[in-house]
Amino acid sequence: MRACFGAKTQLLISRVFFHPVSTSAAVRWRAVQSRLCSSTPPGEQKPRPSMLRHLTSKIKATGPITVAEYMREVLTNPVTGYYVRNNMLGPDGDFITSPEISQIFGELLGVWIISEWMGAGHPKQLQVVELGPGKGSLASDVLRVFTQLKSVLGDASVSLHLVEVSPALSRIQAQNLTGDQNQEADIEDEPVYRRGETATGLPVSWYLRLEDVPAGFSIFLAHEFFDALPIHKFQRTQKGWREVLVDIDPEKPEQLRFVAAMAPTLASSTLVQAGEKRTHVEVCAEGGVIVQQLARRIVEDGGAALIADYGHDGTKTDTFRGFKGHQLHDVLSSPGSADLTADVDFSYLRRMAEEGVACLGPISQRMFLKNMGIDSRMQVLLRNCSDPPTRQQLISSYDMLTNPNKMGERFHFFSLLHPSRLQKPQRPEGLKLEKKQTPVPLPIAGFTELSFT
């Protein structure tokens, strides 16, 4: 499809495009290439005894555990969990994300948010809610766009809400977004565990759970969030579907292994779709619950959700993998020392969202960013940049984000919208023709090819 943006939206995008590139981002993108490779590090560190001992004790006491329970313990255990203890982002961490590669990525998502806010009729309230905000780089780039387009937002009440389970990352986010203008909550069980304010006076709040974010018109962002949620794994056998479990290797008590459940489990009986043709299936039940929460909030309060992640539309099978030092890592080796991830099944998220909201996508990151005008943005930046190293960084980061063999086809975008967002204006009938017609809804940025004419 092609669609022409109205004059206001074209002006909105062009004003962002002429913002200079940040030189501080000049080297952030380089380490991402190694995460896209499939080589395994030659030397493995010895298992961290604390997490391994915790898991083996649990298995000895209750029997083999599900992959979902294994992921939950390894990633978010309050004492030894990977996300709780580590700063895993960036060139010195275990992986790097698109906002760390180029500020253009976050700028275009900031434009997308304002476009959807405009498409909803310029509500007086705009809550930007990010799930798993990393170092805060994406939120920072989005807020910079808001500052540039302050006249467009007018007197709308704008606030930022971050859902983050990692205390270490929340401190980094607070420093990057608010400097010293933040403080932790005095009461331990308060829904907001940290509050702050940006240099421009925009309020920022931190939560452990999505349900704690206040009601109101909200645009939800989830970039590389769903791929880290716990999954259940199922294998088709001659006796039917069996859940894949994690057990202790009887010949090597210090190692873990995968086994198939001897009998059907509650998960294998309820989560595998009837008529499933694949022989191996991964289902993220927790992701389904979160999508239902997002859909319910969008229907009740208005707004939209934009999900960007590794993923597929119900076609892949075994995608569970680990990353450590920008290299693929055995998911059962040294538990707690590496990131665990699995591709998002967008067909499952679509089913779980039900019919209350409109679902768009998934489309490739390459297509989404090109639809958003990344090529025009790059032309402006290169035309106004005379420094050879910075120009090379711009070209390399663009290639990393859009190249089909890199991130361009491996990441996908998926959106939930209020159904009214896509409704076409009713055509007047009979003799009473209105002089003023209802305006046609704005095209959905990113999911429609835009024509700047």
Protein backbone atom coordinates (compact mmCIF):
# COMPACT_ATOMS: atom_id res chain seq x y z
CA MET A 1 0.00 0.00 0.00
CA ARG A 2 0.95 3.61 -0.49
CA ALA A 3 -0.51 6.51 1.42
CA CYS A 4 0.12 10.23 1.48
CA PHE A 5 0.58 11.87 4.85
CA GLY A 6 -1.18 15.13 5.53
CA ALA A 7 0.82 18.34 5.67
CA LYS A 8 1.00 18.32 9.48
CA THR A 9 2.44 14.83 9.65
CA GLN A 10 4.97 15.47 6.89
CA LEU A 11 6.13 18.58 8.73
CA LEU A 12 6.36 16.57 11.96
CA ILE A 13 8.67 14.00 10.38
CA SER A 14 10.79 16.51 8.47
CA ARG A 15 11.43 18.51 11.64
CA VAL A 16 12.82 15.41 13.32
CA PHE A 17 14.90 14.47 10.26
CA PHE A 18 16.86 17.71 10.42
CA HIS A 19 18.02 17.06 14.00
CA PRO A 20 21.79 16.36 14.03
CA VAL A 21 23.11 12.92 14.84
CA SER A 22 24.57 12.37 18.31
CA THR A 23 28.33 11.81 18.21
CA SER A 24 28.18 9.86 21.48
CA ALA A 25 26.54 7.01 19.55
CA ALA A 26 29.46 6.67 17.16
CA VAL A 27 30.68 3.30 18.41
CA ARG A 28 27.64 1.74 20.09
CA TRP A 29 26.58 -0.38 17.11
CA ARG A 30 29.72 -2.43 16.49
CA ALA A 31 29.29 -5.27 18.96
CA VAL A 32 25.84 -6.24 17.68
CA GLN A 33 27.32 -8.11 14.71
CA SER A 34 28.64 -10.86 16.96
CA ARG A 35 25.18 -11.53 18.40
CA LEU A 36 23.93 -12.33 14.92
CA CYS A 37 26.65 -14.95 14.39
CA SER A 38 26.32 -18.60 15.35
CA SER A 39 29.79 -19.34 16.66
CA THR A 40 30.22 -20.68 20.18
CA PRO A 41 32.99 -19.33 22.43
CA PRO A 42 35.91 -21.78 22.55
CA GLY A 43 36.24 -21.76 26.33
CA GLU A 44 33.32 -22.06 28.70
CA GLN A 45 33.48 -20.66 32.20
CA LYS A 46 32.76 -23.03 35.05
CA PRO A 47 29.09 -23.06 36.15
CA ARG A 48 28.19 -20.48 38.73
CA PRO A 49 27.70 -22.71 41.78
CA SER A 50 24.98 -20.62 43.39
CA MET A 51 22.43 -20.77 40.55
CA LEU A 52 23.33 -24.33 39.55
CA ARG A 53 23.08 -25.49 43.16
CA HIS A 54 19.73 -23.75 43.51
CA LEU A 55 18.36 -25.44 40.39
CA THR A 56 19.68 -28.91 41.18
CA SER A 57 18.26 -28.69 44.70
CA LYS A 58 14.86 -27.73 43.29
CA ILE A 59 14.94 -30.59 40.78
CA LYS A 60 15.99 -33.13 43.42
CA ALA A 61 13.12 -32.01 45.63
CA THR A 62 10.29 -31.75 43.09
CA GLY A 63 11.48 -33.48 39.92
CA PRO A 64 12.29 -32.04 36.47
CA ILE A 65 11.16 -28.45 35.93
CA THR A 66 9.58 -26.83 32.89
CA VAL A 67 11.66 -24.70 30.54
CA ALA A 68 9.49 -21.76 31.58
CA GLU A 69 10.40 -22.24 35.24
CA TYR A 70 14.06 -22.66 34.28
CA MET A 71 14.05 -19.38 32.33
CA ARG A 72 12.22 -17.54 35.11
CA GLU A 73 14.71 -18.66 37.73
CA VAL A 74 17.80 -18.06 35.61
CA LEU A 75 16.75 -14.60 34.42
CA THR A 76 14.76 -13.06 37.28
CA ASN A 77 15.60 -14.90 40.50
CA PRO A 78 15.76 -12.04 43.04
CA VAL A 79 19.18 -13.16 44.36
CA THR A 80 21.13 -14.66 41.47
CA GLY A 81 19.01 -13.88 38.39
CA TYR A 82 20.82 -12.72 35.26
CA TYR A 83 18.72 -9.58 34.82
CA VAL A 84 18.85 -8.75 38.53
CA ARG A 85 22.61 -8.96 38.96
CA ASN A 86 24.08 -7.92 35.62
CA ASN A 87 24.45 -4.93 33.33
CA MET A 88 24.20 -7.00 30.18
CA LEU A 89 23.68 -4.32 27.54
CA GLY A 90 26.15 -2.65 25.23
CA PRO A 91 29.57 -3.55 23.76
CA ASP A 92 30.85 -4.67 27.17
CA GLY A 93 27.76 -6.77 27.94
CA ASP A 94 26.26 -9.87 26.36
CA PHE A 95 24.19 -8.18 23.67
CA ILE A 96 23.40 -4.80 22.13
CA THR A 97 20.05 -3.53 20.88
CA SER A 98 18.89 -1.30 18.02
CA PRO A 99 18.60 1.88 20.15
CA GLU A 100 22.26 1.38 21.12
CA ILE A 101 23.24 1.12 17.45
CA SER A 102 21.71 4.35 16.19
CA GLN A 103 19.66 7.20 17.57
CA ILE A 104 17.64 7.13 14.33
CA PHE A 105 15.83 4.02 15.54
CA GLY A 106 14.43 5.73 18.65
CA GLU A 107 13.69 8.93 16.76
CA LEU A 108 11.49 7.09 14.27
CA LEU A 109 9.64 5.34 17.09
CA GLY A 110 9.11 8.74 18.71
CA VAL A 111 7.53 9.93 15.45
CA TRP A 112 5.37 6.79 15.43
CA ILE A 113 4.09 7.56 18.94
CA ILE A 114 3.14 11.13 18.06
CA SER A 115 1.54 9.95 14.82
CA GLU A 116 -0.69 7.53 16.75
CA TRP A 117 -1.45 10.21 19.32
CA MET A 118 -2.55 12.50 16.48
CA GLY A 119 -4.53 9.67 14.88
CA ALA A 120 -6.42 9.22 18.16
CA GLY A 121 -7.55 12.85 18.08
CA HIS A 122 -4.87 14.57 20.20
CA PRO A 123 -5.91 13.30 23.66
CA LYS A 124 -5.11 15.62 26.57
CA GLN A 125 -3.09 12.85 28.21
CA LEU A 126 -0.23 10.84 26.71
CA GLN A 127 1.44 8.11 28.75
CA VAL A 128 4.44 6.47 27.09
CA VAL A 129 4.92 3.06 28.69
CA GLU A 130 8.02 1.02 27.88
CA LEU A 131 8.35 -2.61 28.92
CA GLY A 132 11.94 -3.67 29.64
CA PRO A 133 13.60 -0.33 28.77
CA GLY A 134 17.23 -1.53 28.79
CA LYS A 135 19.56 1.37 29.52
CA GLY A 136 16.89 3.94 28.68
CA SER A 137 18.41 4.71 25.26
CA LEU A 138 15.14 4.22 23.37
CA ALA A 139 13.17 6.32 25.86
CA SER A 140 15.84 9.04 25.71
CA ASP A 141 15.65 9.25 21.91
CA VAL A 142 11.84 9.29 22.02
CA LEU A 143 11.81 12.11 24.56
CA ARG A 144 14.23 14.12 22.46
CA VAL A 145 11.71 13.93 19.60
CA PHE A 146 9.00 15.10 22.01
CA THR A 147 11.14 18.11 22.89
CA GLN A 148 11.63 18.95 19.22
CA LEU A 149 7.90 18.62 18.56
CA LYS A 150 6.70 20.32 21.73
CA SER A 151 4.55 22.69 19.69
CA VAL A 152 2.79 19.70 18.12
CA LEU A 153 2.03 18.12 21.50
CA GLY A 154 0.74 21.47 22.73
CA ASP A 155 -0.63 21.37 26.26
CA ALA A 156 -0.98 17.58 26.38
CA SER A 157 0.09 16.04 29.69
CA VAL A 158 3.00 13.75 28.76
CA SER A 159 4.61 11.25 31.15
CA LEU A 160 7.00 8.30 30.90
CA HIS A 161 6.35 4.98 32.67
CA LEU A 162 9.00 2.23 32.73
CA VAL A 163 8.27 -1.40 33.66
CA GLU A 164 11.59 -2.81 34.85
CA VAL A 165 12.35 -5.77 37.14
CA SER A 166 16.11 -5.18 37.34
CA PRO A 167 17.27 -2.81 40.12
CA ALA A 168 20.66 -2.48 38.40
CA LEU A 169 19.13 -1.43 35.08
CA SER A 170 16.62 0.91 36.73
CA ARG A 171 19.51 2.86 38.27
CA ILE A 172 21.20 3.15 34.86
CA GLN A 173 17.93 4.25 33.27
CA ALA A 174 17.37 6.84 35.99
CA GLN A 175 20.86 8.29 35.50
CA ASN A 176 20.49 8.45 31.72
CA LEU A 177 17.00 9.93 31.76
CA THR A 178 16.84 12.09 34.88
CA GLY A 179 20.42 12.53 36.12
CA ASP A 180 20.24 13.11 39.87
CA GLN A 181 16.57 14.11 39.74
CA ASN A 182 15.18 10.78 40.93
CA GLN A 183 14.66 8.89 44.16
CA GLU A 184 13.52 5.47 45.31
CA ALA A 185 10.18 5.05 47.05
CA ASP A 186 10.17 5.15 50.84
CA ILE A 187 7.55 2.41 51.12
CA GLU A 188 8.75 -0.97 49.88
CA ASP A 189 5.40 -2.23 48.56
CA GLU A 190 4.47 1.02 46.77
CA PRO A 191 3.57 0.36 43.07
CA VAL A 192 6.01 3.06 41.94
CA TYR A 193 9.42 2.06 43.27
CA ARG A 194 11.29 5.01 41.75
CA ARG A 195 10.29 8.48 40.57
CA GLY A 196 12.20 11.09 38.64
CA GLU A 197 12.00 14.08 36.34
CA THR A 198 13.82 14.79 33.09
CA ALA A 199 15.72 18.01 32.41
CA THR A 200 12.64 19.32 30.60
CA GLY A 201 10.37 18.57 33.56
CA LEU A 202 8.72 15.43 32.22
CA PRO A 203 7.79 12.97 35.03
CA VAL A 204 9.23 9.43 34.93
CA SER A 205 8.01 6.50 37.05
CA TRP A 206 9.28 2.94 37.48
CA TYR A 207 7.16 -0.18 38.14
CA LEU A 208 7.77 -3.89 38.58
CA ARG A 209 4.49 -4.88 36.89
CA LEU A 210 2.45 -3.59 33.96
CA GLU A 211 -0.75 -3.68 36.01
CA ASP A 212 0.68 -1.04 38.35
CA VAL A 213 0.89 1.58 35.57
CA PRO A 214 -2.02 4.04 35.99
CA ALA A 215 -4.99 3.92 33.63
CA GLY A 216 -5.14 6.45 30.81
CA PHE A 217 -4.42 6.91 27.12
CA SER A 218 -1.12 5.11 26.64
CA ILE A 219 1.28 4.17 23.88
CA PHE A 220 3.10 0.97 24.88
CA LEU A 221 6.56 0.09 23.57
CA ALA A 222 8.07 -3.38 23.92
CA HIS A 223 11.45 -3.65 22.19
CA GLU A 224 13.23 -6.97 22.77
CA PHE A 225 10.96 -7.62 25.72
CA PHE A 226 8.78 -10.57 24.74
CA ASP A 227 11.73 -12.70 23.56
CA ALA A 228 13.03 -12.91 27.15
CA LEU A 229 9.74 -14.06 28.69
CA PRO A 230 9.60 -17.72 29.82
CA ILE A 231 8.48 -20.25 27.22
CA HIS A 232 7.09 -23.77 27.43
CA LYS A 233 8.58 -26.24 24.94
CA PHE A 234 6.60 -29.16 23.51
CA GLN A 235 7.64 -32.15 21.41
CA ARG A 236 5.35 -34.34 19.31
CA THR A 237 5.86 -38.03 20.15
CA GLN A 238 4.18 -41.31 19.18
CA LYS A 239 2.11 -40.95 22.34
CA GLY A 240 1.07 -37.38 21.62
CA TRP A 241 2.43 -34.02 22.74
CA ARG A 242 4.90 -34.07 25.61
CA GLU A 243 6.39 -31.10 27.41
CA VAL A 244 10.17 -30.68 27.33
CA LEU A 245 11.61 -30.45 30.86
CA VAL A 246 14.97 -29.64 32.45
CA ASP A 247 16.52 -32.42 34.55
CA ILE A 248 19.86 -33.36 36.12
CA ASP A 249 22.12 -35.51 33.97
CA PRO A 250 22.40 -38.80 35.96
CA GLU A 251 25.90 -39.44 34.60
CA LYS A 252 27.10 -35.88 35.29
CA PRO A 253 25.42 -34.52 38.43
CA GLU A 254 26.90 -31.06 37.83
CA GLN A 255 25.19 -30.74 34.45
CA LEU A 256 21.60 -30.26 33.29
CA ARG A 257 19.85 -31.88 30.34
CA PHE A 258 16.53 -31.78 28.47
CA VAL A 259 14.05 -34.65 28.89
CA ALA A 260 10.51 -35.29 27.67
CA ALA A 261 7.74 -35.57 30.25
CA MET A 262 6.55 -39.15 30.76
CA ALA A 263 2.88 -38.11 30.63
CA PRO A 264 0.87 -35.10 29.43
CA THR A 265 1.19 -31.98 31.59
CA LEU A 266 -1.37 -29.25 32.13
CA ALA A 267 0.63 -27.03 29.78
CA SER A 268 0.90 -29.62 26.99
CA SER A 269 -2.83 -30.29 27.27
CA THR A 270 -3.88 -26.63 27.07
CA LEU A 271 -1.25 -24.57 25.24
CA VAL A 272 -0.71 -26.57 22.04
CA GLN A 273 -3.24 -25.55 19.39
CA ALA A 274 -5.51 -28.19 17.91
CA GLY A 275 -4.36 -29.07 14.42
CA GLU A 276 -0.78 -27.96 15.07
CA LYS A 277 1.38 -29.34 12.25
CA ARG A 278 4.84 -28.60 13.63
CA THR A 279 6.72 -31.32 15.52
CA HIS A 280 8.25 -28.92 18.05
CA VAL A 281 6.41 -25.89 19.48
CA GLU A 282 7.35 -23.08 21.87
CA VAL A 283 4.57 -21.19 23.65
CA CYS A 284 5.04 -18.10 25.80
CA ALA A 285 1.98 -18.16 28.05
CA GLU A 286 3.23 -15.16 30.02
CA GLY A 287 3.53 -13.17 26.81
CA GLY A 288 -0.06 -14.06 25.98
CA VAL A 289 -1.23 -12.74 29.35
CA ILE A 290 0.65 -9.46 28.84
CA VAL A 291 -0.81 -9.00 25.36
CA GLN A 292 -4.28 -9.52 26.82
CA GLN A 293 -3.53 -6.83 29.41
CA LEU A 294 -2.35 -4.46 26.68
CA ALA A 295 -5.41 -5.16 24.55
CA ARG A 296 -7.77 -4.59 27.47
CA ARG A 297 -6.15 -1.28 28.37
CA ILE A 298 -6.19 -0.09 24.75
CA VAL A 299 -9.90 -0.89 24.42
CA GLU A 300 -10.81 0.75 27.74
CA ASP A 301 -8.51 3.80 27.76
CA GLY A 302 -7.38 4.22 24.15
CA GLY A 303 -3.85 4.06 22.80
CA ALA A 304 -1.70 1.56 20.94
CA ALA A 305 1.11 -0.93 21.44
CA LEU A 306 4.20 -1.42 19.30
CA ILE A 307 6.12 -4.68 19.74
CA ALA A 308 9.51 -5.13 18.08
CA ASP A 309 11.41 -8.38 18.47
CA TYR A 310 12.99 -11.46 17.00
CA GLY A 311 10.01 -13.43 15.81
CA HIS A 312 7.93 -15.38 13.32
CA ASP A 313 4.29 -15.87 12.44
CA GLY A 314 3.77 -19.41 13.68
CA THR A 315 6.33 -21.11 11.45
CA LYS A 316 9.48 -21.75 13.50
CA THR A 317 10.12 -24.59 15.93
CA ASP A 318 13.19 -24.68 18.20
CA THR A 319 14.46 -21.11 18.75
CA PHE A 320 15.49 -21.26 22.45
CA ARG A 321 19.08 -20.01 22.75
CA GLY A 322 21.54 -18.19 24.99
CA PHE A 323 23.90 -15.25 24.47
CA LYS A 324 27.06 -14.51 26.38
CA GLY A 325 29.71 -12.01 25.35
CA HIS A 326 27.92 -11.49 22.01
CA GLN A 327 28.24 -15.21 21.20
CA LEU A 328 25.74 -18.06 21.16
CA HIS A 329 25.86 -19.94 24.45
CA ASP A 330 24.52 -23.34 25.56
CA VAL A 331 21.24 -22.56 27.37
CA LEU A 332 21.89 -25.18 30.08
CA SER A 333 25.55 -24.31 30.69
CA SER A 334 26.56 -21.91 33.49
CA PRO A 335 22.95 -20.95 34.30
CA GLY A 336 22.63 -17.34 35.34
CA SER A 337 25.69 -16.16 33.43
CA ALA A 338 24.05 -15.70 30.01
CA ASP A 339 20.96 -14.16 28.48
CA LEU A 340 18.22 -16.60 27.44
CA THR A 341 15.85 -15.82 24.60
CA ALA A 342 13.37 -17.37 22.18
CA ASP A 343 11.78 -15.97 19.03
CA VAL A 344 8.34 -14.42 19.54
CA ASP A 345 5.43 -16.28 17.95
CA PHE A 346 3.33 -13.36 16.70
CA SER A 347 0.53 -15.68 15.58
CA TYR A 348 0.10 -16.69 19.23
CA LEU A 349 0.06 -13.05 20.37
CA ARG A 350 -2.57 -12.29 17.74
CA ARG A 351 -4.79 -15.10 18.99
CA MET A 352 -4.38 -14.02 22.60
CA ALA A 353 -5.24 -10.39 21.78
CA GLU A 354 -8.64 -11.69 20.58
CA GLU A 355 -10.98 -9.50 18.56
CA GLY A 356 -11.12 -6.46 20.82
CA VAL A 357 -8.18 -4.74 19.13
CA ALA A 358 -6.86 -4.47 15.60
CA CYS A 359 -3.55 -6.26 15.01
CA LEU A 360 -1.08 -5.18 12.34
CA GLY A 361 1.99 -7.13 11.29
CA PRO A 362 4.35 -8.68 11.81
CA ILE A 363 6.43 -6.90 9.19
CA SER A 364 10.21 -6.89 8.98
CA GLN A 365 12.25 -4.19 10.71
CA ARG A 366 13.65 -3.25 7.31
CA MET A 367 10.18 -2.57 5.92
CA PHE A 368 8.98 -0.76 9.05
CA LEU A 369 11.95 1.59 9.20
CA LYS A 370 11.83 2.29 5.46
CA ASN A 371 8.11 3.02 5.74
CA MET A 372 8.94 5.41 8.57
CA GLY A 373 11.37 7.29 6.35
CA ILE A 374 14.78 6.10 7.51
CA ASP A 375 16.18 6.63 4.00
CA SER A 376 15.17 10.30 4.02
CA ARG A 377 16.66 10.72 7.48
CA MET A 378 19.94 9.17 6.36
CA GLN A 379 20.17 11.41 3.30
CA VAL A 380 19.78 14.51 5.47
CA LEU A 381 22.39 13.34 8.00
CA LEU A 382 24.95 12.40 5.36
CA ARG A 383 24.40 15.62 3.46
CA ASN A 384 25.16 17.61 6.61
CA CYS A 385 28.06 15.48 7.85
CA SER A 386 31.61 16.11 6.62
CA ASP A 387 33.48 14.01 9.21
CA PRO A 388 34.57 10.72 7.50
CA PRO A 389 34.46 8.51 10.66
CA THR A 390 30.99 9.77 11.57
CA ARG A 391 29.76 9.24 8.02
CA GLN A 392 31.07 5.67 8.09
CA GLN A 393 29.37 5.07 11.42
CA LEU A 394 26.07 6.35 10.01
CA ILE A 395 26.34 4.08 6.97
CA SER A 396 27.34 1.05 9.05
CA SER A 397 24.55 1.53 11.60
CA TYR A 398 21.99 1.96 8.81
CA ASP A 399 23.25 -1.27 7.23
CA MET A 400 23.03 -3.12 10.54
CA LEU A 401 19.44 -2.01 11.12
CA THR A 402 18.11 -2.64 7.59
CA ASN A 403 20.30 -5.25 5.91
CA PRO A 404 18.21 -8.43 5.37
CA ASN A 405 21.20 -10.56 6.41
CA LYS A 406 21.64 -8.66 9.69
CA MET A 407 18.79 -7.14 11.70
CA GLY A 408 16.59 -6.07 8.78
CA GLU A 409 14.74 -9.39 8.39
CA ARG A 410 15.41 -10.97 11.78
CA PHE A 411 13.47 -8.38 13.76
CA HIS A 412 9.76 -7.78 13.20
CA PHE A 413 7.22 -5.14 14.21
CA PHE A 414 3.73 -5.93 15.44
CA SER A 415 1.09 -3.48 16.62
CA LEU A 416 -2.13 -3.45 18.62
CA LEU A 417 -4.54 -0.60 17.89
CA HIS A 418 -7.94 0.50 19.12
CA PRO A 419 -10.44 -0.69 16.47
CA SER A 420 -11.73 2.85 15.97
CA ARG A 421 -8.29 3.82 14.68
CA LEU A 422 -8.94 1.96 11.43
CA GLN A 423 -12.61 2.84 10.95
CA LYS A 424 -13.39 4.65 7.73
CA PRO A 425 -15.74 7.66 7.88
CA GLN A 426 -19.36 6.85 7.10
CA ARG A 427 -20.61 8.11 3.76
CA PRO A 428 -23.65 10.37 4.07
CA GLU A 429 -26.86 8.87 2.72
CA GLY A 430 -30.08 10.38 1.45
CA LEU A 431 -30.66 14.03 0.70
CA LYS A 432 -29.01 15.49 3.81
CA LEU A 433 -25.44 15.83 2.64
CA GLU A 434 -23.08 17.33 5.19
CA LYS A 435 -20.91 20.17 3.94
CA LYS A 436 -18.09 19.19 6.30
CA GLN A 437 -17.02 15.59 5.84
CA THR A 438 -15.45 13.51 8.59
CA PRO A 439 -11.66 13.54 8.11
CA VAL A 440 -10.09 10.34 6.85
CA PRO A 441 -8.01 8.60 9.56
CA LEU A 442 -4.24 9.01 9.31
CA PRO A 443 -2.46 6.00 7.78
CA ILE A 444 -0.71 3.76 10.28
CA ALA A 445 2.89 4.91 10.20
CA GLY A 446 5.44 2.15 9.73
CA PHE A 447 2.90 -0.37 8.48
CA THR A 448 2.07 1.67 5.39
CA GLU A 449 4.49 2.89 2.73
CA LEU A 450 4.50 6.65 3.02
CA SER A 451 4.73 9.02 0.09
CA PHE A 452 6.13 12.46 0.82
CA THR A 453 4.25 14.37 -1.88
